[in-house]
């Protein structure tokens, strides 16, 4: 059976039939997410991206284990984390699971 957008053709056709009154199609719903283009994340976005608490992210930044950029020196200044640095930090904490 031929596949459309990663789905079997029959399922894709059924979904397209349901979505057509709304001007949508399966191909619109299966487009790659724009998140891949995001280079910097806030601590809150980083916690959602990694499923790690925001406070653990802040502790890693404070300990110097996770590089971050503070936009100004005010106490409430915005903190940004490079996605590449976050990915490196996560992979450095891999453990073997038996």
Foldseek 3Di string as FASTA:
>chain_A
DDDDLNHPPVVQVVVQVVCVVVVDGVVVVSDDDPVVVDFKDFLVRLCVVVVHDSVVVVVCCVVVNFPWDFPDDDPPTTIIGTPVSSVVSVVVPDDDDD
